[in-house]
Amino acid sequence: SEGEQAFRRLATAVAKFQVCKRGPEHAYEALECLGGNGYTE
């Protein structure tokens, strides 16, 4: 609907900002859970 299209116009931007910003730190913390294995290819 027009309301849903208006919602996505703003929500896409704020989600892109926050979710993608949180991605790298999230990956690092998960990597650390595996210890030295996590740091290997």
PDB file of all heavy atoms in Angstrom:
ATOM      1  N   SER A   1       0.841  -1.204   0.000  1.00  0.00           N
ATOM      2  CA  SER A   1       0.000   0.000   0.000  1.00  0.00           C
ATOM      3  C   SER A   1       0.874   1.252   0.000  1.00  0.00           C
ATOM      4  O   SER A   1       2.099   1.176   0.161  1.00  0.00           O
ATOM      5  CB  SER A   1      -0.879   0.005   1.247  1.00  0.00           C
ATOM      6  OG  SER A   1      -0.065   0.116   2.414  1.00  0.00           O
ATOM      7  N   GLU A   2       0.234   2.414  -0.162  1.00  0.00           N
ATOM      8  CA  GLU A   2       0.991   3.660  -0.097  1.00  0.00           C
ATOM      9  C   GLU A   2       1.660   3.820   1.262  1.00  0.00           C
ATOM     10  O   GLU A   2       2.789   4.312   1.362  1.00  0.00           O
ATOM     11  CB  GLU A   2       0.064   4.844  -0.379  1.00  0.00           C
ATOM     12  CG  GLU A   2      -0.404   4.931  -1.825  1.00  0.00           C
ATOM     13  CD  GLU A   2      -1.224   6.194  -2.085  1.00  0.00           C
ATOM     14  OE1 GLU A   2      -1.329   7.035  -1.169  1.00  0.00           O
ATOM     15  OE2 GLU A   2      -1.742   6.323  -3.204  1.00  0.00           O
ATOM     16  N   GLY A   3       0.978   3.384   2.316  1.00  0.00           N
ATOM     17  CA  GLY A   3       1.562   3.461   3.639  1.00  0.00           C
ATOM     18  C   GLY A   3       2.780   2.565   3.781  1.00  0.00           C
ATOM     19  O   GLY A   3       3.790   2.959   4.382  1.00  0.00           O
ATOM     20  N   GLU A   4       2.706   1.363   3.220  1.00  0.00           N
ATOM     21  CA  GLU A   4       3.840   0.454   3.268  1.00  0.00           C
ATOM     22  C   GLU A   4       5.014   0.996   2.451  1.00  0.00           C
ATOM     23  O   GLU A   4       6.173   0.868   2.848  1.00  0.00           O
ATOM     24  CB  GLU A   4       3.438  -0.918   2.720  1.00  0.00           C
ATOM     25  CG  GLU A   4       2.698  -1.780   3.708  1.00  0.00           C
ATOM     26  CD  GLU A   4       3.622  -2.307   4.790  1.00  0.00           C
ATOM     27  OE1 GLU A   4       4.317  -3.316   4.567  1.00  0.00           O
ATOM     28  OE2 GLU A   4       3.648  -1.686   5.878  1.00  0.00           O
ATOM     29  N   GLN A   5       4.717   1.610   1.319  1.00  0.00           N
ATOM     30  CA  GLN A   5       5.783   2.195   0.511  1.00  0.00           C
ATOM     31  C   GLN A   5       6.443   3.361   1.243  1.00  0.00           C
ATOM     32  O   GLN A   5       7.668   3.545   1.177  1.00  0.00           O
ATOM     33  CB  GLN A   5       5.230   2.647  -0.829  1.00  0.00           C
ATOM     34  CG  GLN A   5       4.760   1.494  -1.714  1.00  0.00           C
ATOM     35  CD  GLN A   5       4.138   1.965  -3.007  1.00  0.00           C
ATOM     36  OE1 GLN A   5       4.692   2.818  -3.700  1.00  0.00           O
ATOM     37  NE2 GLN A   5       2.968   1.431  -3.341  1.00  0.00           N
ATOM     38  N   ALA A   6       5.658   4.146   1.947  1.00  0.00           N
ATOM     39  CA  ALA A   6       6.222   5.244   2.737  1.00  0.00           C
ATOM     40  C   ALA A   6       7.065   4.685   3.883  1.00  0.00           C
ATOM     41  O   ALA A   6       8.158   5.188   4.174  1.00  0.00           O
ATOM     42  CB  ALA A   6       5.105   6.137   3.276  1.00  0.00           C
ATOM     43  N   PHE A   7       6.570   3.647   4.532  1.00  0.00           N
ATOM     44  CA  PHE A   7       7.316   3.007   5.620  1.00  0.00           C
ATOM     45  C   PHE A   7       8.666   2.507   5.136  1.00  0.00           C
ATOM     46  O   PHE A   7       9.702   2.749   5.775  1.00  0.00           O
ATOM     47  CB  PHE A   7       6.493   1.846   6.186  1.00  0.00           C
ATOM     48  CG  PHE A   7       7.294   0.862   6.994  1.00  0.00           C
ATOM     49  CD1 PHE A   7       7.737   1.188   8.262  1.00  0.00           C
ATOM     50  CD2 PHE A   7       7.596  -0.401   6.481  1.00  0.00           C
ATOM     51  CE1 PHE A   7       8.487   0.275   9.011  1.00  0.00           C
ATOM     52  CE2 PHE A   7       8.326  -1.314   7.220  1.00  0.00           C
ATOM     53  CZ  PHE A   7       8.775  -0.974   8.484  1.00  0.00           C
ATOM     54  N   ARG A   8       8.692   1.824   3.998  1.00  0.00           N
ATOM     55  CA  ARG A   8       9.945   1.245   3.536  1.00  0.00           C
ATOM     56  C   ARG A   8      10.946   2.321   3.122  1.00  0.00           C
ATOM     57  O   ARG A   8      12.159   2.096   3.196  1.00  0.00           O
ATOM     58  CB  ARG A   8       9.688   0.264   2.403  1.00  0.00           C
ATOM     59  CG  ARG A   8       9.476   0.883   1.026  1.00  0.00           C
ATOM     60  CD  ARG A   8       8.997  -0.130   0.017  1.00  0.00           C
ATOM     61  NE  ARG A   8       8.993   0.390  -1.337  1.00  0.00           N
ATOM     62  CZ  ARG A   8       8.272  -0.110  -2.331  1.00  0.00           C
ATOM     63  NH1 ARG A   8       7.473  -1.155  -2.100  1.00  0.00           N
ATOM     64  NH2 ARG A   8       8.345   0.408  -3.538  1.00  0.00           N
ATOM     65  N   ARG A   9      10.458   3.480   2.700  1.00  0.00           N
ATOM     66  CA  ARG A   9      11.379   4.541   2.293  1.00  0.00           C
ATOM     67  C   ARG A   9      12.280   4.950   3.459  1.00  0.00           C
ATOM     68  O   ARG A   9      13.487   5.135   3.284  1.00  0.00           O
ATOM     69  CB  ARG A   9      10.579   5.756   1.791  1.00  0.00           C
ATOM     70  CG  ARG A   9      11.434   6.986   1.491  1.00  0.00           C
ATOM     71  CD  ARG A   9      12.327   6.786   0.272  1.00  0.00           C
ATOM     72  NE  ARG A   9      13.176   7.945   0.054  1.00  0.00           N
ATOM     73  CZ  ARG A   9      14.434   8.038   0.465  1.00  0.00           C
ATOM     74  NH1 ARG A   9      15.010   7.030   1.108  1.00  0.00           N
ATOM     75  NH2 ARG A   9      15.143   9.121   0.231  1.00  0.00           N
ATOM     76  N   LEU A  10      11.712   5.072   4.654  1.00  0.00           N
ATOM     77  CA  LEU A  10      12.506   5.421   5.822  1.00  0.00           C
ATOM     78  C   LEU A  10      13.131   4.190   6.464  1.00  0.00           C
ATOM     79  O   LEU A  10      14.314   4.197   6.835  1.00  0.00           O
ATOM     80  CB  LEU A  10      11.639   6.159   6.843  1.00  0.00           C
ATOM     81  CG  LEU A  10      12.320   6.518   8.172  1.00  0.00           C
ATOM     82  CD1 LEU A  10      13.531   7.421   7.932  1.00  0.00           C
ATOM     83  CD2 LEU A  10      11.329   7.185   9.113  1.00  0.00           C
ATOM     84  N   ALA A  11      12.362   3.128   6.600  1.00  0.00           N
ATOM     85  CA  ALA A  11      12.835   1.953   7.323  1.00  0.00           C
ATOM     86  C   ALA A  11      14.027   1.300   6.639  1.00  0.00           C
ATOM     87  O   ALA A  11      14.917   0.756   7.310  1.00  0.00           O
ATOM     88  CB  ALA A  11      11.701   0.945   7.484  1.00  0.00           C
ATOM     89  N   THR A  12      14.081   1.329   5.317  1.00  0.00           N
ATOM     90  CA  THR A  12      15.226   0.748   4.616  1.00  0.00           C
ATOM     91  C   THR A  12      16.505   1.490   4.980  1.00  0.00           C
ATOM     92  O   THR A  12      17.545   0.876   5.232  1.00  0.00           O
ATOM     93  CB  THR A  12      15.013   0.778   3.096  1.00  0.00           C
ATOM     94  OG1 THR A  12      13.814   0.077   2.768  1.00  0.00           O
ATOM     95  CG2 THR A  12      16.179   0.137   2.361  1.00  0.00           C
ATOM     96  N   ALA A  13      16.421   2.810   5.037  1.00  0.00           N
ATOM     97  CA  ALA A  13      17.608   3.601   5.360  1.00  0.00           C
ATOM     98  C   ALA A  13      18.069   3.358   6.795  1.00  0.00           C
ATOM     99  O   ALA A  13      19.260   3.127   7.038  1.00  0.00           O
ATOM    100  CB  ALA A  13      17.325   5.088   5.134  1.00  0.00           C
ATOM    101  N   VAL A  14      17.149   3.400   7.751  1.00  0.00           N
ATOM    102  CA  VAL A  14      17.575   3.242   9.140  1.00  0.00           C
ATOM    103  C   VAL A  14      18.061   1.820   9.402  1.00  0.00           C
ATOM    104  O   VAL A  14      19.009   1.603  10.183  1.00  0.00           O
ATOM    105  CB  VAL A  14      16.470   3.657  10.131  1.00  0.00           C
ATOM    106  CG1 VAL A  14      16.084   5.115   9.927  1.00  0.00           C
ATOM    107  CG2 VAL A  14      15.256   2.768  10.042  1.00  0.00           C
ATOM    108  N   ALA A  15      17.450   0.827   8.752  1.00  0.00           N
ATOM    109  CA  ALA A  15      17.910  -0.552   8.913  1.00  0.00           C
ATOM    110  C   ALA A  15      19.278  -0.743   8.269  1.00  0.00           C
ATOM    111  O   ALA A  15      20.161  -1.415   8.835  1.00  0.00           O
ATOM    112  CB  ALA A  15      16.896  -1.522   8.313  1.00  0.00           C
ATOM    113  N   LYS A  16      19.467  -0.180   7.083  1.00  0.00           N
ATOM    114  CA  LYS A  16      20.780  -0.246   6.422  1.00  0.00           C
ATOM    115  C   LYS A  16      21.849   0.363   7.321  1.00  0.00           C
ATOM    116  O   LYS A  16      22.958  -0.175   7.463  1.00  0.00           O
ATOM    117  CB  LYS A  16      20.722   0.497   5.084  1.00  0.00           C
ATOM    118  CG  LYS A  16      22.072   0.794   4.419  1.00  0.00           C
ATOM    119  CD  LYS A  16      22.741  -0.443   3.866  1.00  0.00           C
ATOM    120  CE  LYS A  16      23.875  -0.100   2.904  1.00  0.00           C
ATOM    121  NZ  LYS A  16      25.078   0.448   3.552  1.00  0.00           N
ATOM    122  N   PHE A  17      21.552   1.493   7.951  1.00  0.00           N
ATOM    123  CA  PHE A  17      22.514   2.135   8.825  1.00  0.00           C
ATOM    124  C   PHE A  17      22.855   1.241  10.013  1.00  0.00           C
ATOM    125  O   PHE A  17      24.017   0.910  10.248  1.00  0.00           O
ATOM    126  CB  PHE A  17      21.956   3.475   9.328  1.00  0.00           C
ATOM    127  CG  PHE A  17      22.873   4.186  10.278  1.00  0.00           C
ATOM    128  CD1 PHE A  17      23.870   5.020   9.808  1.00  0.00           C
ATOM    129  CD2 PHE A  17      22.744   4.015  11.652  1.00  0.00           C
ATOM    130  CE1 PHE A  17      24.732   5.662  10.681  1.00  0.00           C
ATOM    131  CE2 PHE A  17      23.599   4.653  12.537  1.00  0.00           C
ATOM    132  CZ  PHE A  17      24.591   5.489  12.049  1.00  0.00           C
ATOM    133  N   GLN A  18      21.866   0.837  10.768  1.00  0.00           N
ATOM    134  CA  GLN A  18      22.107   0.167  12.043  1.00  0.00           C
ATOM    135  C   GLN A  18      22.542  -1.285  11.881  1.00  0.00           C
ATOM    136  O   GLN A  18      23.544  -1.714  12.468  1.00  0.00           O
ATOM    137  CB  GLN A  18      20.848   0.230  12.916  1.00  0.00           C
ATOM    138  CG  GLN A  18      20.971  -0.453  14.255  1.00  0.00           C
ATOM    139  CD  GLN A  18      21.884   0.270  15.228  1.00  0.00           C
ATOM    140  OE1 GLN A  18      22.362   1.365  14.919  1.00  0.00           O
ATOM    141  NE2 GLN A  18      22.133  -0.313  16.372  1.00  0.00           N
ATOM    142  N   VAL A  19      21.802  -2.056  11.119  1.00  0.00           N
ATOM    143  CA  VAL A  19      22.121  -3.483  10.997  1.00  0.00           C
ATOM    144  C   VAL A  19      23.509  -3.667  10.390  1.00  0.00           C
ATOM    145  O   VAL A  19      24.328  -4.452  10.883  1.00  0.00           O
ATOM    146  CB  VAL A  19      21.051  -4.205  10.167  1.00  0.00           C
ATOM    147  CG1 VAL A  19      21.471  -5.643   9.876  1.00  0.00           C
ATOM    148  CG2 VAL A  19      19.706  -4.189  10.884  1.00  0.00           C
ATOM    149  N   CYS A  20      23.784  -2.932   9.308  1.00  0.00           N
ATOM    150  CA  CYS A  20      25.074  -3.111   8.638  1.00  0.00           C
ATOM    151  C   CYS A  20      26.228  -2.573   9.478  1.00  0.00           C
ATOM    152  O   CYS A  20      27.338  -3.097   9.419  1.00  0.00           O
ATOM    153  CB  CYS A  20      25.052  -2.457   7.263  1.00  0.00           C
ATOM    154  SG  CYS A  20      23.834  -3.195   6.149  1.00  0.00           S
ATOM    155  N   LYS A  21      25.981  -1.530  10.259  1.00  0.00           N
ATOM    156  CA  LYS A  21      27.010  -1.018  11.166  1.00  0.00           C
ATOM    157  C   LYS A  21      27.349  -2.036  12.251  1.00  0.00           C
ATOM    158  O   LYS A  21      28.490  -2.113  12.710  1.00  0.00           O
ATOM    159  CB  LYS A  21      26.543   0.279  11.825  1.00  0.00           C
ATOM    160  CG  LYS A  21      26.685   1.519  10.966  1.00  0.00           C
ATOM    161  CD  LYS A  21      28.138   1.905  10.837  1.00  0.00           C
ATOM    162  CE  LYS A  21      28.299   3.179  10.025  1.00  0.00           C
ATOM    163  NZ  LYS A  21      29.708   3.389   9.646  1.00  0.00           N
ATOM    164  N   ARG A  22      26.378  -2.792  12.687  1.00  0.00           N
ATOM    165  CA  ARG A  22      26.595  -3.769  13.756  1.00  0.00           C
ATOM    166  C   ARG A  22      27.267  -5.050  13.241  1.00  0.00           C
ATOM    167  O   ARG A  22      27.772  -5.845  14.030  1.00  0.00           O
ATOM    168  CB  ARG A  22      25.264  -4.127  14.416  1.00  0.00           C
ATOM    169  CG  ARG A  22      24.583  -2.969  15.126  1.00  0.00           C
ATOM    170  CD  ARG A  22      25.249  -2.635  16.426  1.00  0.00           C
ATOM    171  NE  ARG A  22      24.909  -3.595  17.462  1.00  0.00           N
ATOM    172  CZ  ARG A  22      25.456  -3.615  18.683  1.00  0.00           C
ATOM    173  NH1 ARG A  22      26.391  -2.737  18.987  1.00  0.00           N
ATOM    174  NH2 ARG A  22      25.091  -4.514  19.579  1.00  0.00           N
ATOM    175  N   GLY A  23      27.273  -5.237  11.935  1.00  0.00           N
ATOM    176  CA  GLY A  23      27.790  -6.471  11.367  1.00  0.00           C
ATOM    177  C   GLY A  23      29.241  -6.781  11.677  1.00  0.00           C
ATOM    178  O   GLY A  23      29.568  -7.896  12.113  1.00  0.00           O
ATOM    179  N   PRO A  24      30.178  -5.848  11.443  1.00  0.00           N
ATOM    180  CA  PRO A  24      31.592  -6.184  11.658  1.00  0.00           C
ATOM    181  C   PRO A  24      31.922  -6.552  13.101  1.00  0.00           C
ATOM    182  O   PRO A  24      32.638  -7.539  13.343  1.00  0.00           O
ATOM    183  CB  PRO A  24      32.312  -4.895  11.232  1.00  0.00           C
ATOM    184  CG  PRO A  24      31.392  -4.249  10.243  1.00  0.00           C
ATOM    185  CD  PRO A  24      30.021  -4.549  10.763  1.00  0.00           C
ATOM    186  N   GLU A  25      31.426  -5.793  14.062  1.00  0.00           N
ATOM    187  CA  GLU A  25      31.704  -6.105  15.461  1.00  0.00           C
ATOM    188  C   GLU A  25      31.070  -7.440  15.851  1.00  0.00           C
ATOM    189  O   GLU A  25      31.653  -8.222  16.611  1.00  0.00           O
ATOM    190  CB  GLU A  25      31.185  -4.993  16.370  1.00  0.00           C
ATOM    191  CG  GLU A  25      31.535  -5.204  17.829  1.00  0.00           C
ATOM    192  CD  GLU A  25      30.978  -4.130  18.735  1.00  0.00           C
ATOM    193  OE1 GLU A  25      30.286  -3.220  18.249  1.00  0.00           O
ATOM    194  OE2 GLU A  25      31.233  -4.210  19.950  1.00  0.00           O
ATOM    195  N   HIS A  26      29.895  -7.694  15.334  1.00  0.00           N
ATOM    196  CA  HIS A  26      29.223  -8.967  15.593  1.00  0.00           C
ATOM    197  C   HIS A  26      30.074 -10.125  15.086  1.00  0.00           C
ATOM    198  O   HIS A  26      30.262 -11.135  15.785  1.00  0.00           O
ATOM    199  CB  HIS A  26      27.855  -8.955  14.900  1.00  0.00           C
ATOM    200  CG  HIS A  26      26.974 -10.111  15.234  1.00  0.00           C
ATOM    201  ND1 HIS A  26      27.081 -11.322  14.587  1.00  0.00           N
ATOM    202  CD2 HIS A  26      25.955 -10.248  16.127  1.00  0.00           C
ATOM    203  CE1 HIS A  26      26.169 -12.153  15.064  1.00  0.00           C
ATOM    204  NE2 HIS A  26      25.475 -11.540  16.003  1.00  0.00           N
ATOM    205  N   ALA A  27      30.612  -9.982  13.875  1.00  0.00           N
ATOM    206  CA  ALA A  27      31.450 -11.047  13.308  1.00  0.00           C
ATOM    207  C   ALA A  27      32.707 -11.254  14.141  1.00  0.00           C
ATOM    208  O   ALA A  27      33.140 -12.401  14.371  1.00  0.00           O
ATOM    209  CB  ALA A  27      31.821 -10.702  11.869  1.00  0.00           C
ATOM    210  N   TYR A  28      33.294 -10.158  14.596  1.00  0.00           N
ATOM    211  CA  TYR A  28      34.506 -10.298  15.409  1.00  0.00           C
ATOM    212  C   TYR A  28      34.224 -11.048  16.706  1.00  0.00           C
ATOM    213  O   TYR A  28      34.966 -11.950  17.103  1.00  0.00           O
ATOM    214  CB  TYR A  28      35.130  -8.940  15.746  1.00  0.00           C
ATOM    215  CG  TYR A  28      36.008  -9.067  16.956  1.00  0.00           C
ATOM    216  CD1 TYR A  28      37.221  -9.756  16.859  1.00  0.00           C
ATOM    217  CD2 TYR A  28      35.595  -8.621  18.206  1.00  0.00           C
ATOM    218  CE1 TYR A  28      38.001  -9.972  17.977  1.00  0.00           C
ATOM    219  CE2 TYR A  28      36.360  -8.835  19.320  1.00  0.00           C
ATOM    220  CZ  TYR A  28      37.577  -9.505  19.209  1.00  0.00           C
ATOM    221  OH  TYR A  28      38.330  -9.744  20.322  1.00  0.00           O
ATOM    222  N   GLU A  29      33.141 -10.676  17.402  1.00  0.00           N
ATOM    223  CA  GLU A  29      32.851 -11.295  18.690  1.00  0.00           C
ATOM    224  C   GLU A  29      32.571 -12.783  18.529  1.00  0.00           C
ATOM    225  O   GLU A  29      32.980 -13.601  19.366  1.00  0.00           O
ATOM    226  CB  GLU A  29      31.673 -10.592  19.355  1.00  0.00           C
ATOM    227  CG  GLU A  29      31.550 -10.849  20.836  1.00  0.00           C
ATOM    228  CD  GLU A  29      32.655 -10.200  21.661  1.00  0.00           C
ATOM    229  OE1 GLU A  29      32.825  -8.975  21.564  1.00  0.00           O
ATOM    230  OE2 GLU A  29      33.336 -10.938  22.410  1.00  0.00           O
ATOM    231  N   ALA A  30      31.880 -13.147  17.451  1.00  0.00           N
ATOM    232  CA  ALA A  30      31.629 -14.563  17.187  1.00  0.00           C
ATOM    233  C   ALA A  30      32.928 -15.289  16.878  1.00  0.00           C
ATOM    234  O   ALA A  30      33.146 -16.426  17.332  1.00  0.00           O
ATOM    235  CB  ALA A  30      30.643 -14.708  16.029  1.00  0.00           C
ATOM    236  N   LEU A  31      33.792 -14.647  16.105  1.00  0.00           N
ATOM    237  CA  LEU A  31      35.099 -15.231  15.794  1.00  0.00           C
ATOM    238  C   LEU A  31      35.872 -15.526  17.077  1.00  0.00           C
ATOM    239  O   LEU A  31      36.488 -16.588  17.229  1.00  0.00           O
ATOM    240  CB  LEU A  31      35.869 -14.265  14.890  1.00  0.00           C
ATOM    241  CG  LEU A  31      37.268 -14.619  14.402  1.00  0.00           C
ATOM    242  CD1 LEU A  31      37.542 -13.858  13.096  1.00  0.00           C
ATOM    243  CD2 LEU A  31      38.345 -14.240  15.419  1.00  0.00           C
ATOM    244  N   GLU A  32      35.821 -14.606  18.027  1.00  0.00           N
ATOM    245  CA  GLU A  32      36.551 -14.782  19.280  1.00  0.00           C
ATOM    246  C   GLU A  32      36.028 -15.979  20.071  1.00  0.00           C
ATOM    247  O   GLU A  32      36.770 -16.619  20.821  1.00  0.00           O
ATOM    248  CB  GLU A  32      36.467 -13.512  20.128  1.00  0.00           C
ATOM    249  CG  GLU A  32      37.330 -13.550  21.379  1.00  0.00           C
ATOM    250  CD  GLU A  32      37.282 -12.270  22.173  1.00  0.00           C
ATOM    251  OE1 GLU A  32      37.563 -11.197  21.588  1.00  0.00           O
ATOM    252  OE2 GLU A  32      36.938 -12.337  23.369  1.00  0.00           O
ATOM    253  N   CYS A  33      34.741 -16.295  19.907  1.00  0.00           N
ATOM    254  CA  CYS A  33      34.182 -17.454  20.610  1.00  0.00           C
ATOM    255  C   CYS A  33      34.885 -18.745  20.208  1.00  0.00           C
ATOM    256  O   CYS A  33      34.941 -19.705  20.990  1.00  0.00           O
ATOM    257  CB  CYS A  33      32.687 -17.585  20.323  1.00  0.00           C
ATOM    258  SG  CYS A  33      31.672 -16.270  21.029  1.00  0.00           S
ATOM    259  N   LEU A  34      35.415 -18.795  19.003  1.00  0.00           N
ATOM    260  CA  LEU A  34      36.130 -19.970  18.517  1.00  0.00           C
ATOM    261  C   LEU A  34      37.607 -19.953  18.895  1.00  0.00           C
ATOM    262  O   LEU A  34      38.351 -20.872  18.547  1.00  0.00           O
ATOM    263  CB  LEU A  34      35.999 -20.099  16.998  1.00  0.00           C
ATOM    264  CG  LEU A  34      34.755 -20.816  16.457  1.00  0.00           C
ATOM    265  CD1 LEU A  34      33.487 -20.050  16.801  1.00  0.00           C
ATOM    266  CD2 LEU A  34      34.852 -20.999  14.951  1.00  0.00           C
ATOM    267  N   GLY A  35      38.051 -18.900  19.572  1.00  0.00           N
ATOM    268  CA  GLY A  35      39.448 -18.802  19.961  1.00  0.00           C
ATOM    269  C   GLY A  35      40.363 -18.734  18.761  1.00  0.00           C
ATOM    270  O   GLY A  35      40.058 -18.115  17.746  1.00  0.00           O
ATOM    271  N   GLY A  36      41.524 -19.396  18.871  1.00  0.00           N
ATOM    272  CA  GLY A  36      42.500 -19.362  17.790  1.00  0.00           C
ATOM    273  C   GLY A  36      41.962 -19.948  16.499  1.00  0.00           C
ATOM    274  O   GLY A  36      42.331 -19.500  15.401  1.00  0.00           O
ATOM    275  N   ASN A  37      41.095 -20.975  16.589  1.00  0.00           N
ATOM    276  CA  ASN A  37      40.516 -21.553  15.371  1.00  0.00           C
ATOM    277  C   ASN A  37      39.766 -20.496  14.570  1.00  0.00           C
ATOM    278  O   ASN A  37      39.802 -20.479  13.336  1.00  0.00           O
ATOM    279  CB  ASN A  37      39.556 -22.691  15.734  1.00  0.00           C
ATOM    280  CG  ASN A  37      40.292 -23.968  16.102  1.00  0.00           C
ATOM    281  OD1 ASN A  37      41.509 -24.057  15.977  1.00  0.00           O
ATOM    282  ND2 ASN A  37      39.568 -24.966  16.573  1.00  0.00           N
ATOM    283  N   GLY A  38      39.064 -19.610  15.254  1.00  0.00           N
ATOM    284  CA  GLY A  38      38.295 -18.590  14.564  1.00  0.00           C
ATOM    285  C   GLY A  38      39.148 -17.653  13.739  1.00  0.00           C
ATOM    286  O   GLY A  38      38.690 -17.099  12.742  1.00  0.00           O
ATOM    287  N   TYR A  39      40.406 -17.497  14.130  1.00  0.00           N
ATOM    288  CA  TYR A  39      41.291 -16.560  13.442  1.00  0.00           C
ATOM    289  C   TYR A  39      42.015 -17.195  12.259  1.00  0.00           C
ATOM    290  O   TYR A  39      42.767 -16.542  11.558  1.00  0.00           O
ATOM    291  CB  TYR A  39      42.318 -16.002  14.436  1.00  0.00           C
ATOM    292  CG  TYR A  39      42.987 -14.729  13.984  1.00  0.00           C
ATOM    293  CD1 TYR A  39      42.260 -13.551  13.860  1.00  0.00           C
ATOM    294  CD2 TYR A  39      44.348 -14.707  13.687  1.00  0.00           C
ATOM    295  CE1 TYR A  39      42.878 -12.379  13.440  1.00  0.00           C
ATOM    296  CE2 TYR A  39      44.971 -13.543  13.274  1.00  0.00           C
ATOM    297  CZ  TYR A  39      44.229 -12.381  13.150  1.00  0.00           C
ATOM    298  OH  TYR A  39      44.831 -11.214  12.741  1.00  0.00           O
ATOM    299  N   THR A  40      41.751 -18.475  12.015  1.00  0.00           N
ATOM    300  CA  THR A  40      42.396 -19.156  10.903  1.00  0.00           C
ATOM    301  C   THR A  40      41.452 -19.246   9.709  1.00  0.00           C
ATOM    302  O   THR A  40      40.227 -19.257   9.858  1.00  0.00           O
ATOM    303  CB  THR A  40      42.839 -20.577  11.299  1.00  0.00           C
ATOM    304  OG1 THR A  40      41.672 -21.401  11.505  1.00  0.00           O
ATOM    305  CG2 THR A  40      43.675 -20.555  12.575  1.00  0.00           C
ATOM    306  N   GLU A  41      42.041 -19.353   8.548  1.00  0.00           N
ATOM    307  CA  GLU A  41      41.250 -19.426   7.313  1.00  0.00           C
ATOM    308  C   GLU A  41      40.592 -20.787   7.124  1.00  0.00           C
ATOM    309  O   GLU A  41      39.794 -20.963   6.211  1.00  0.00           O
ATOM    310  CB  GLU A  41      42.135 -19.107   6.109  1.00  0.00           C
ATOM    311  CG  GLU A  41      42.672 -17.683   6.093  1.00  0.00           C
ATOM    312  CD  GLU A  41      41.589 -16.628   5.979  1.00  0.00           C
ATOM    313  OE1 GLU A  41      40.496 -16.939   5.471  1.00  0.00           O
ATOM    314  OE2 GLU A  41      41.827 -15.490   6.403  1.00  0.00           O
TER     315      GLU A  41
END
